Amino acid sequence: MRKTRFSDEQIANVLAEARAGVSTQELCRKHSISAHTFYAWRKKFGEMQSSEVRRLKDLEQMVARLERIVARQAVELQASQEIIRGKW
């Protein structure tokens, strides 16, 4: 996946400008983004403030970490069961 030029907090600030009444065309020109990018950001982040975006990012990282832990434990459990059954 391509890395974006804008951080999540910066995206939230651009969307806040839009909620403040700045036109979409003006925002796109000011920040050098396409209208499609703006609408994709709005779909993804909606009405989130920058602190909420930061919290969402932290939660996503935590979930990813926990998923890796669970996957590793599942592999270890499966290997243990195969050893117990004598397939090892």
C-alpha atoms as a PDB file:
ATOM      1  CA  MET A   1       0.000   0.000   0.000  1.00  0.00           C
ATOM      2  CA  ARG A   2       1.258   3.440  -0.877  1.00  0.00           C
ATOM      3  CA  LYS A   3       2.303   5.689   1.977  1.00  0.00           C
ATOM      4  CA  THR A   4       0.379   8.961   2.078  1.00  0.00           C
ATOM      5  CA  ARG A   5       1.962  12.407   2.223  1.00  0.00           C
ATOM      6  CA  PHE A   6      -0.449  13.428   4.944  1.00  0.00           C
ATOM      7  CA  SER A   7      -0.638  12.116   8.477  1.00  0.00           C
ATOM      8  CA  ASP A   8      -4.016  11.132   9.871  1.00  0.00           C
ATOM      9  CA  GLU A   9      -4.034  14.253  12.036  1.00  0.00           C
ATOM     10  CA  GLN A  10      -3.381  16.463   9.010  1.00  0.00           C
ATOM     11  CA  ILE A  11      -6.231  14.773   7.157  1.00  0.00           C
ATOM     12  CA  ALA A  12      -8.535  15.416  10.132  1.00  0.00           C
ATOM     13  CA  ASN A  13      -7.520  19.082  10.072  1.00  0.00           C
ATOM     14  CA  VAL A  14      -8.313  19.355   6.343  1.00  0.00           C
ATOM     15  CA  LEU A  15     -11.733  17.825   6.991  1.00  0.00           C
ATOM     16  CA  ALA A  16     -12.260  20.258   9.875  1.00  0.00           C
ATOM     17  CA  GLU A  17     -11.603  23.120   7.450  1.00  0.00           C
ATOM     18  CA  ALA A  18     -14.276  21.684   5.182  1.00  0.00           C
ATOM     19  CA  ARG A  19     -16.744  21.521   8.071  1.00  0.00           C
ATOM     20  CA  ALA A  20     -15.914  25.161   8.834  1.00  0.00           C
ATOM     21  CA  GLY A  21     -17.294  26.115   5.439  1.00  0.00           C
ATOM     22  CA  VAL A  22     -14.330  26.189   3.051  1.00  0.00           C
ATOM     23  CA  SER A  23     -15.332  24.870  -0.373  1.00  0.00           C
ATOM     24  CA  THR A  24     -14.082  21.502  -1.554  1.00  0.00           C
ATOM     25  CA  GLN A  25     -12.444  22.999  -4.639  1.00  0.00           C
ATOM     26  CA  GLU A  26     -10.553  25.553  -2.586  1.00  0.00           C
ATOM     27  CA  LEU A  27      -9.353  22.913  -0.117  1.00  0.00           C
ATOM     28  CA  CYS A  28      -8.199  20.630  -2.912  1.00  0.00           C
ATOM     29  CA  ARG A  29      -6.273  23.451  -4.545  1.00  0.00           C
ATOM     30  CA  LYS A  30      -4.777  24.649  -1.242  1.00  0.00           C
ATOM     31  CA  HIS A  31      -3.557  21.191  -0.162  1.00  0.00           C
ATOM     32  CA  SER A  32      -2.792  19.874  -3.684  1.00  0.00           C
ATOM     33  CA  ILE A  33      -5.161  16.931  -3.501  1.00  0.00           C
ATOM     34  CA  SER A  34      -7.817  15.655  -5.867  1.00  0.00           C
ATOM     35  CA  ALA A  35     -11.525  15.835  -5.132  1.00  0.00           C
ATOM     36  CA  HIS A  36     -11.578  12.028  -5.147  1.00  0.00           C
ATOM     37  CA  THR A  37      -8.941  11.969  -2.402  1.00  0.00           C
ATOM     38  CA  PHE A  38     -10.910  14.472  -0.341  1.00  0.00           C
ATOM     39  CA  TYR A  39     -14.104  12.433  -0.571  1.00  0.00           C
ATOM     40  CA  ALA A  40     -12.224   9.214   0.246  1.00  0.00           C
ATOM     41  CA  TRP A  41     -10.811  10.894   3.371  1.00  0.00           C
ATOM     42  CA  ARG A  42     -14.264  12.127   4.317  1.00  0.00           C
ATOM     43  CA  LYS A  43     -15.654   8.619   3.902  1.00  0.00           C
ATOM     44  CA  LYS A  44     -12.882   7.109   6.031  1.00  0.00           C
ATOM     45  CA  PHE A  45     -12.652   9.705   8.816  1.00  0.00           C
ATOM     46  CA  GLY A  46     -16.080  11.331   8.716  1.00  0.00           C
ATOM     47  CA  GLU A  47     -16.590  13.743  11.610  1.00  0.00           C
ATOM     48  CA  MET A  48     -13.546  12.634  13.629  1.00  0.00           C
ATOM     49  CA  GLN A  49     -11.372  15.180  15.387  1.00  0.00           C
ATOM     50  CA  SER A  50      -7.611  14.827  15.307  1.00  0.00           C
ATOM     51  CA  SER A  51      -7.484  13.355  18.837  1.00  0.00           C
ATOM     52  CA  GLU A  52     -10.051  10.718  17.843  1.00  0.00           C
ATOM     53  CA  VAL A  53      -8.004   9.846  14.750  1.00  0.00           C
ATOM     54  CA  ARG A  54      -4.909   9.394  16.905  1.00  0.00           C
ATOM     55  CA  ARG A  55      -6.868   7.123  19.267  1.00  0.00           C
ATOM     56  CA  LEU A  56      -8.204   5.102  16.324  1.00  0.00           C
ATOM     57  CA  LYS A  57      -4.670   4.609  15.004  1.00  0.00           C
ATOM     58  CA  ASP A  58      -3.466   3.453  18.453  1.00  0.00           C
ATOM     59  CA  LEU A  59      -6.360   1.000  18.713  1.00  0.00           C
ATOM     60  CA  GLU A  60      -5.638  -0.395  15.249  1.00  0.00           C
ATOM     61  CA  GLN A  61      -2.004  -0.993  16.236  1.00  0.00           C
ATOM     62  CA  MET A  62      -3.100  -2.732  19.431  1.00  0.00           C
ATOM     63  CA  VAL A  63      -5.537  -4.969  17.550  1.00  0.00           C
ATOM     64  CA  ALA A  64      -2.834  -5.922  15.043  1.00  0.00           C
ATOM     65  CA  ARG A  65      -0.465  -6.813  17.885  1.00  0.00           C
ATOM     66  CA  LEU A  66      -3.107  -8.933  19.602  1.00  0.00           C
ATOM     67  CA  GLU A  67      -3.950 -10.701  16.337  1.00  0.00           C
ATOM     68  CA  ARG A  68      -0.284 -11.665  15.911  1.00  0.00           C
ATOM     69  CA  ILE A  69      -0.214 -13.023  19.474  1.00  0.00           C
ATOM     70  CA  VAL A  70      -3.377 -15.072  18.924  1.00  0.00           C
ATOM     71  CA  ALA A  71      -2.057 -16.444  15.609  1.00  0.00           C
ATOM     72  CA  ARG A  72       1.209 -17.498  17.241  1.00  0.00           C
ATOM     73  CA  GLN A  73      -0.656 -19.194  20.100  1.00  0.00           C
ATOM     74  CA  ALA A  74      -2.934 -21.000  17.638  1.00  0.00           C
ATOM     75  CA  VAL A  75       0.086 -22.402  15.805  1.00  0.00           C
ATOM     76  CA  GLU A  76       1.671 -23.507  19.089  1.00  0.00           C
ATOM     77  CA  LEU A  77      -1.595 -25.138  20.199  1.00  0.00           C
ATOM     78  CA  GLN A  78      -1.953 -26.990  16.908  1.00  0.00           C
ATOM     79  CA  ALA A  79       1.657 -28.221  17.124  1.00  0.00           C
ATOM     80  CA  SER A  80       1.064 -29.382  20.712  1.00  0.00           C
ATOM     81  CA  GLN A  81      -2.042 -31.313  19.691  1.00  0.00           C
ATOM     82  CA  GLU A  82      -0.156 -33.021  16.853  1.00  0.00           C
ATOM     83  CA  ILE A  83       2.617 -34.035  19.266  1.00  0.00           C
ATOM     84  CA  ILE A  84       0.058 -35.440  21.701  1.00  0.00           C
ATOM     85  CA  ARG A  85      -1.616 -37.451  18.920  1.00  0.00           C
ATOM     86  CA  GLY A  86       1.753 -38.895  17.974  1.00  0.00           C
ATOM     87  CA  LYS A  87       1.951 -37.375  14.510  1.00  0.00           C
ATOM     88  CA  TRP A  88       5.252 -35.737  15.290  1.00  0.00           C
END
